[in-house]
Amino acid sequence: MAASFRIIDTGVREGRANIAFDAALIEERQAGNVPDTIRFLSFPPTALIGRHQDLSREIDLEYCAKHNVGTVRRITGGGAIYLDEGQLGWELVFHRSSLGIASLPDVAREICNAVAAGLQEFGVDAKFRPRNDIEVDGRKISGTGGFYDGDVLIYQGTVLVDLNPQRMVSALRVPQSKLDKRNLDSAAQRVVTLKELLGPDTPDLELIKVALIKGFKETLDIDAHYGHITQREEELASRFYEEEIGTEEFLTEIDDPAADTEVLAGTHVGAGGTIDSFVKLEGPTRQILQRVLISGDFFVTPPRVVFDLEAALQGARLDEIEPAIEQFFAETEIDTLSVTPADFRASIVDALARDAAHG
């Protein structure tokens, strides 16, 4: 029997309020108070960073403040993105058992294929590109990502309908390495919109929603019908906004850790994205790891695994770090999109090598 999904449309909401609603929806689904859900959403001009990213490294905060572009930290991983009313947000929040798919990479593939199928309704040759993009002729038209929280998964993405490329390029600090990787001169070349592809035949948002719903139904073999947002969801969203997601403390949780001159910075780029490590040593011979902070555009689920790893390594001797990382991942149940324990180890080892180089 096909799983049944509720469809809701929360319209345009301030960026942090949108993310707070995500948190509320996840909690209510975990409690069994709402069914599996497809949500459509939109943003005013907003720059969003992934759960583990370095704020100042990813967003031009001065530009955003001057041009009234909101700044938001997501609860999902991945990279920095710019959104406004010209993009359509979509997401699925559902129980682990609903689609009969267990691993995060498999979920990513199937949901991205569903969105691609929806876009193909308009004659667009959209295709899934691992690890989590939907592309047309090598250019991204939808970025996606998600994570498990217990037995509930949120998987979300956008469809680029129209876009102000200058505002996107100005709001985000896209690393040159990402552009070089694809032989691009600017971040604007990495993406394509429905408007660029279809011109005057570009469908409106309502038609796009209809096409995506069809893609979800047929590709994922689900039933879906419009339903209502509950009062409890709105109340929880307000609470999450006020207590955490809407606060400056949450936004700036990771912000320019390399500014500390005693911090060693290391980087590793793998199939699952970029992992940056910021390490501070202590002791007479600097052989003890006082603390480590890990950031980047990777996806791990649940996201708190990264904070648990940081805590597990605190106080470790340098010769204990690699075995400690291996033990941590051996004892911890996680799911990832292409990132491995070896990637985290390589990033931290790269940071420690900076100390040896200057020792």
Protein backbone atom coordinates (compact mmCIF):
# COMPACT_ATOMS: atom_id res chain seq x y z
CA MET A 1 0.00 0.00 0.00
CA ALA A 2 1.36 3.40 -0.99
CA ALA A 3 2.39 5.75 1.81
CA SER A 4 0.11 8.75 2.25
CA PHE A 5 1.60 12.25 2.45
CA ARG A 6 0.00 15.51 3.53
CA ILE A 7 0.83 18.51 1.30
CA ILE A 8 1.17 21.95 2.91
CA ASP A 9 2.22 25.31 1.51
CA THR A 10 3.61 27.82 4.00
CA GLY A 11 4.16 30.56 1.41
CA VAL A 12 6.80 33.27 1.83
CA ARG A 13 8.26 33.44 5.35
CA GLU A 14 11.32 35.14 6.78
CA GLY A 15 14.31 32.82 6.42
CA ARG A 16 14.87 31.87 10.05
CA ALA A 17 11.13 31.38 10.53
CA ASN A 18 11.17 28.93 7.62
CA ILE A 19 13.94 26.90 9.25
CA ALA A 20 12.19 27.03 12.63
CA PHE A 21 9.11 25.53 10.97
CA ASP A 22 11.32 22.71 9.67
CA ALA A 23 12.34 21.91 13.25
CA ALA A 24 8.72 22.00 14.40
CA LEU A 25 7.58 19.73 11.57
CA ILE A 26 10.29 17.19 12.38
CA GLU A 27 9.36 17.14 16.08
CA GLU A 28 5.65 16.78 15.38
CA ARG A 29 6.29 13.94 12.92
CA GLN A 30 8.48 12.19 15.51
CA ALA A 31 5.67 12.50 18.04
CA GLY A 32 3.19 11.05 15.56
CA ASN A 33 1.06 14.19 15.68
CA VAL A 34 1.25 14.87 11.93
CA PRO A 35 1.55 12.53 8.93
CA ASP A 36 4.37 12.27 6.42
CA THR A 37 4.45 15.67 4.73
CA ILE A 38 5.41 17.43 1.51
CA ARG A 39 5.97 21.13 2.17
CA PHE A 40 6.31 23.99 -0.32
CA LEU A 41 7.93 27.21 0.90
CA SER A 42 9.45 30.46 -0.33
CA PHE A 43 11.92 33.02 1.01
CA PRO A 44 12.45 36.76 0.75
CA PRO A 45 16.05 37.59 -0.29
CA THR A 46 18.09 35.34 2.01
CA ALA A 47 21.61 33.88 2.23
CA LEU A 48 21.59 30.50 3.96
CA ILE A 49 24.55 28.48 5.18
CA GLY A 50 24.69 24.78 6.04
CA ARG A 51 24.55 23.55 9.63
CA HIS A 52 28.33 23.14 9.92
CA GLN A 53 29.59 26.07 7.84
CA ASP A 54 31.73 29.05 8.82
CA LEU A 55 29.47 32.11 8.58
CA SER A 56 31.94 34.83 7.57
CA ARG A 57 33.70 32.54 5.14
CA GLU A 58 30.49 31.76 3.23
CA ILE A 59 28.46 34.99 3.32
CA ASP A 60 29.35 38.63 2.66
CA LEU A 61 27.71 39.96 5.81
CA GLU A 62 28.35 43.60 4.95
CA TYR A 63 26.61 43.27 1.58
CA CYS A 64 23.68 41.39 3.10
CA ALA A 65 23.15 44.02 5.79
CA LYS A 66 23.36 46.88 3.30
CA HIS A 67 20.95 45.29 0.80
CA ASN A 68 18.45 43.79 3.26
CA VAL A 69 19.37 40.18 2.52
CA GLY A 70 18.53 37.91 5.44
CA THR A 71 21.17 35.61 6.92
CA VAL A 72 20.26 32.13 8.15
CA ARG A 73 21.93 28.96 9.44
CA ARG A 74 20.05 25.86 8.31
CA ILE A 75 19.54 22.74 10.42
CA THR A 76 20.63 20.63 7.42
CA GLY A 77 24.19 20.31 6.13
CA GLY A 78 25.51 21.29 2.73
CA GLY A 79 26.73 24.51 1.22
CA ALA A 80 25.71 28.16 1.19
CA ILE A 81 22.82 29.19 -1.07
CA TYR A 82 20.97 32.36 -1.99
CA LEU A 83 17.17 32.27 -2.18
CA ASP A 84 14.43 34.77 -2.91
CA GLU A 85 10.88 34.75 -4.26
CA GLY A 86 12.24 33.55 -7.62
CA GLN A 87 12.94 30.09 -6.22
CA LEU A 88 10.51 27.45 -5.02
CA GLY A 89 11.44 25.49 -1.93
CA TRP A 90 10.22 21.92 -1.43
CA GLU A 91 10.80 19.34 1.27
CA LEU A 92 9.65 15.95 2.45
CA VAL A 93 9.45 15.02 6.14
CA PHE A 94 8.62 11.37 6.68
CA HIS A 95 9.21 8.24 8.71
CA ARG A 96 12.18 6.07 7.83
CA SER A 97 9.93 3.18 6.83
CA SER A 98 7.57 5.14 4.55
CA LEU A 99 9.49 4.87 1.28
CA GLY A 100 11.16 1.54 1.93
CA ILE A 101 14.57 3.20 1.48
CA ALA A 102 17.06 3.15 4.33
CA SER A 103 20.31 4.94 3.48
CA LEU A 104 20.64 8.68 2.99
CA PRO A 105 22.40 8.34 -0.41
CA ASP A 106 19.58 6.13 -1.69
CA VAL A 107 16.96 8.55 -0.39
CA ALA A 108 18.80 11.43 -2.07
CA ARG A 109 18.89 9.61 -5.39
CA GLU A 110 15.21 8.66 -5.40
CA ILE A 111 13.88 12.04 -4.28
CA CYS A 112 16.14 13.89 -6.73
CA ASN A 113 14.93 11.60 -9.50
CA ALA A 114 11.35 12.47 -8.49
CA VAL A 115 12.04 16.21 -8.71
CA ALA A 116 13.84 15.72 -12.03
CA ALA A 117 10.81 13.82 -13.34
CA GLY A 118 8.59 16.72 -12.34
CA LEU A 119 10.77 19.25 -14.16
CA GLN A 120 10.83 17.03 -17.24
CA GLU A 121 7.10 17.73 -17.55
CA PHE A 122 8.13 21.12 -18.96
CA GLY A 123 10.51 19.65 -21.52
CA VAL A 124 13.57 20.28 -19.35
CA ASP A 125 16.26 17.58 -19.45
CA ALA A 126 16.76 17.55 -15.68
CA LYS A 127 18.89 14.75 -14.21
CA PHE A 128 20.19 13.72 -10.79
CA ARG A 129 23.89 14.35 -10.29
CA PRO A 130 25.46 12.66 -7.26
CA ARG A 131 25.83 13.51 -4.49
CA ASN A 132 22.79 15.79 -4.20
CA ASP A 133 22.22 18.06 -7.20
CA ILE A 134 19.72 18.15 -10.05
CA GLU A 135 21.26 19.53 -13.22
CA VAL A 136 20.43 20.49 -16.78
CA ASP A 137 23.39 20.12 -19.15
CA GLY A 138 25.84 20.26 -16.25
CA ARG A 139 24.34 23.34 -14.56
CA LYS A 140 22.50 23.14 -11.25
CA ILE A 141 18.77 23.83 -11.26
CA SER A 142 18.15 22.33 -7.83
CA GLY A 143 20.38 21.73 -4.82
CA THR A 144 19.17 19.33 -2.15
CA GLY A 145 20.08 17.86 1.23
CA GLY A 146 18.72 16.32 4.38
CA PHE A 147 19.26 14.26 7.50
CA TYR A 148 17.69 11.67 9.76
CA ASP A 149 16.63 12.67 13.26
CA GLY A 150 15.88 9.32 14.84
CA ASP A 151 13.40 7.59 12.55
CA VAL A 152 12.29 10.79 10.80
CA LEU A 153 13.99 12.19 7.72
CA ILE A 154 13.82 15.70 6.32
CA TYR A 155 14.95 15.98 2.72
CA GLN A 156 14.68 19.37 1.05
CA GLY A 157 15.68 21.38 -1.97
CA THR A 158 14.80 24.22 -4.30
CA VAL A 159 13.87 24.79 -7.91
CA LEU A 160 15.55 27.80 -9.51
CA VAL A 161 12.71 29.44 -11.40
CA ASP A 162 14.20 32.92 -11.74
CA LEU A 163 17.31 34.42 -10.19
CA ASN A 164 19.17 37.69 -9.82
CA PRO A 165 22.70 36.36 -10.45
CA GLN A 166 24.40 39.57 -9.36
CA ARG A 167 22.71 39.50 -5.98
CA MET A 168 23.58 35.83 -5.52
CA VAL A 169 27.24 36.39 -6.42
CA SER A 170 27.42 39.42 -4.12
CA ALA A 171 25.74 37.77 -1.13
CA LEU A 172 27.77 34.55 -1.19
CA ARG A 173 31.50 34.01 -1.03
CA VAL A 174 31.88 31.12 -3.46
CA PRO A 175 35.35 29.55 -3.11
CA GLN A 176 37.46 29.80 -6.25
CA SER A 177 38.24 26.10 -5.89
CA LYS A 178 34.60 25.25 -6.58
CA LEU A 179 34.67 27.33 -9.75
CA ASP A 180 37.99 25.92 -10.90
CA LYS A 181 36.65 22.39 -10.39
CA ARG A 182 34.15 23.00 -13.21
CA ASN A 183 36.15 25.48 -15.28
CA LEU A 184 33.79 28.35 -14.46
CA ASP A 185 34.56 32.04 -14.23
CA SER A 186 31.78 32.92 -11.78
CA ALA A 187 29.23 31.34 -9.46
CA ALA A 188 26.43 32.46 -11.77
CA GLN A 189 27.69 30.03 -14.41
CA ARG A 190 27.18 27.10 -12.05
CA VAL A 191 23.39 27.45 -12.04
CA VAL A 192 20.56 27.67 -14.55
CA THR A 193 16.93 28.72 -14.10
CA LEU A 194 13.69 27.63 -15.68
CA LYS A 195 13.32 31.16 -17.03
CA GLU A 196 16.66 30.92 -18.83
CA LEU A 197 15.68 27.55 -20.30
CA LEU A 198 12.05 28.26 -21.17
CA GLY A 199 11.81 32.04 -21.60
CA PRO A 200 8.19 33.21 -22.01
CA ASP A 201 6.98 29.62 -21.58
CA THR A 202 8.23 29.50 -17.98
CA PRO A 203 5.43 28.02 -15.83
CA ASP A 204 4.17 29.81 -12.74
CA LEU A 205 4.84 28.47 -9.26
CA GLU A 206 1.49 26.71 -8.99
CA LEU A 207 2.12 24.70 -12.16
CA ILE A 208 5.59 23.80 -10.92
CA LYS A 209 4.11 22.53 -7.64
CA VAL A 210 1.64 20.37 -9.60
CA ALA A 211 4.50 18.91 -11.65
CA LEU A 212 6.63 18.20 -8.58
CA ILE A 213 3.73 16.51 -6.80
CA LYS A 214 3.27 14.30 -9.87
CA GLY A 215 6.97 13.46 -9.82
CA PHE A 216 6.85 12.58 -6.13
CA LYS A 217 3.73 10.43 -6.53
CA GLU A 218 4.90 8.47 -9.55
CA THR A 219 8.60 8.08 -8.74
CA LEU A 220 8.24 7.41 -5.01
CA ASP A 221 4.95 5.50 -5.35
CA ILE A 222 3.09 7.59 -2.76
CA ASP A 223 -0.32 9.20 -2.39
CA ALA A 224 -0.39 12.92 -1.58
CA HIS A 225 -3.21 15.32 -0.78
CA TYR A 226 -3.37 18.89 0.50
CA GLY A 227 -3.92 19.18 4.24
CA HIS A 228 -3.82 21.75 7.02
CA ILE A 229 -1.02 23.20 9.13
CA THR A 230 -1.73 22.55 12.79
CA GLN A 231 -1.74 25.15 15.56
CA ARG A 232 0.83 23.05 17.42
CA GLU A 233 3.24 23.23 14.47
CA GLU A 234 3.01 27.02 14.43
CA GLU A 235 3.46 27.23 18.20
CA LEU A 236 6.52 24.99 18.12
CA ALA A 237 7.97 26.93 15.18
CA SER A 238 7.64 30.16 17.18
CA ARG A 239 9.35 28.58 20.16
CA PHE A 240 12.25 27.20 18.11
CA TYR A 241 12.64 30.61 16.46
CA GLU A 242 12.75 32.50 19.74
CA GLU A 243 14.92 30.05 21.65
CA GLU A 244 17.46 29.00 19.02
CA ILE A 245 17.08 29.27 15.25
CA GLY A 246 16.10 32.93 15.15
CA THR A 247 18.95 34.03 17.43
CA GLU A 248 22.27 35.58 16.48
CA GLU A 249 23.97 32.99 18.70
CA PHE A 250 22.77 30.17 16.45
CA LEU A 251 23.74 32.05 13.28
CA THR A 252 27.25 32.82 14.54
CA GLU A 253 27.84 29.44 16.18
CA ILE A 254 30.72 28.89 13.74
CA ASP A 255 32.20 32.20 12.65
CA ASP A 256 35.80 32.77 11.59
CA PRO A 257 37.49 30.29 13.96
CA ALA A 258 40.81 30.89 12.17
CA ALA A 259 40.89 34.44 13.56
CA ASP A 260 42.52 33.01 16.71
CA THR A 261 46.24 33.11 15.92
CA GLU A 262 46.85 29.99 18.03
CA VAL A 263 44.43 27.92 15.94
CA LEU A 264 45.77 25.53 13.30
CA ALA A 265 43.56 25.25 10.22
CA GLY A 266 43.41 22.18 8.00
CA THR A 267 41.33 21.27 4.96
CA HIS A 268 40.39 18.10 3.14
CA VAL A 269 38.29 17.90 -0.02
CA GLY A 270 36.71 14.55 -0.76
CA ALA A 271 33.77 13.09 -2.64
CA GLY A 272 31.45 14.17 0.16
CA GLY A 273 32.49 17.81 0.17
CA THR A 274 34.97 20.05 1.98
CA ILE A 275 35.87 19.46 5.62
CA ASP A 276 37.74 22.21 7.48
CA SER A 277 39.29 21.56 10.89
CA PHE A 278 40.41 24.19 13.38
CA VAL A 279 42.65 22.78 16.10
CA LYS A 280 44.10 24.32 19.24
CA LEU A 281 46.87 22.52 21.13
CA GLU A 282 48.05 22.78 24.73
CA GLY A 283 50.66 21.39 27.08
CA PRO A 284 54.38 22.13 27.46
CA THR A 285 55.18 20.33 24.21
CA ARG A 286 51.84 21.04 22.50
CA GLN A 287 50.97 17.36 22.44
CA ILE A 288 47.38 17.64 23.73
CA LEU A 289 44.38 18.66 21.65
CA GLN A 290 42.66 21.36 23.68
CA ARG A 291 39.76 21.60 21.24
CA VAL A 292 38.80 21.02 17.63
CA LEU A 293 36.08 22.67 15.57
CA ILE A 294 34.93 21.02 12.35
CA SER A 295 33.11 22.91 9.59
CA GLY A 296 32.26 22.44 5.92
CA ASP A 297 29.59 21.72 3.34
CA PHE A 298 29.29 17.99 4.07
CA PHE A 299 26.19 16.03 5.07
CA VAL A 300 26.14 13.75 8.11
CA THR A 301 23.10 12.45 9.90
CA PRO A 302 22.27 13.13 12.61
CA PRO A 303 24.05 16.53 12.46
CA ARG A 304 24.98 16.41 16.17
CA VAL A 305 27.48 13.65 15.32
CA VAL A 306 29.98 16.37 14.40
CA PHE A 307 29.68 18.02 17.82
CA ASP A 308 29.98 14.61 19.50
CA LEU A 309 33.19 13.94 17.54
CA GLU A 310 34.62 17.29 18.61
CA ALA A 311 33.84 16.47 22.24
CA ALA A 312 35.31 12.97 21.95
CA LEU A 313 38.64 14.34 20.72
CA GLN A 314 38.95 17.09 23.32
CA GLY A 315 41.92 16.43 25.61
CA ALA A 316 43.34 13.63 23.46
CA ARG A 317 47.08 13.26 22.99
CA LEU A 318 48.18 13.75 19.40
CA ASP A 319 49.21 10.11 19.06
CA GLU A 320 45.72 9.10 20.20
CA ILE A 321 43.75 11.18 17.71
CA GLU A 322 43.62 8.84 14.73
CA PRO A 323 42.67 5.76 16.80
CA ALA A 324 40.10 7.89 18.66
CA ILE A 325 38.47 8.95 15.38
CA GLU A 326 38.30 5.34 14.21
CA GLN A 327 36.81 4.22 17.53
CA PHE A 328 34.25 7.03 17.52
CA PHE A 329 32.88 6.13 14.10
CA ALA A 330 32.97 2.40 14.89
CA GLU A 331 30.76 3.01 17.93
CA THR A 332 28.48 5.69 16.43
CA GLU A 333 25.54 5.07 14.13
CA ILE A 334 25.67 7.62 11.31
CA ASP A 335 24.63 8.08 7.71
CA THR A 336 26.40 10.31 5.20
CA LEU A 337 26.40 11.53 1.62
CA SER A 338 29.79 10.24 0.40
CA VAL A 339 31.83 11.59 3.33
CA THR A 340 33.85 8.99 5.30
CA PRO A 341 35.65 8.81 8.68
CA ALA A 342 38.90 8.96 6.72
CA ASP A 343 37.88 12.38 5.37
CA PHE A 344 37.50 13.79 8.89
CA ARG A 345 40.81 12.24 9.91
CA ALA A 346 42.58 13.71 6.87
CA SER A 347 41.29 17.21 7.64
CA ILE A 348 42.45 17.09 11.27
CA VAL A 349 45.81 15.58 10.32
CA ASP A 350 46.27 18.40 7.79
CA ALA A 351 45.72 20.95 10.58
CA LEU A 352 48.23 19.21 12.85
CA ALA A 353 50.77 19.17 10.02
CA ARG A 354 50.69 22.97 10.05
CA ASP A 355 52.04 22.88 13.62
CA ALA A 356 54.81 20.49 12.63
CA ALA A 357 55.70 22.73 9.70
CA HIS A 358 56.09 25.72 11.98
CA GLY A 359 57.52 23.85 14.94
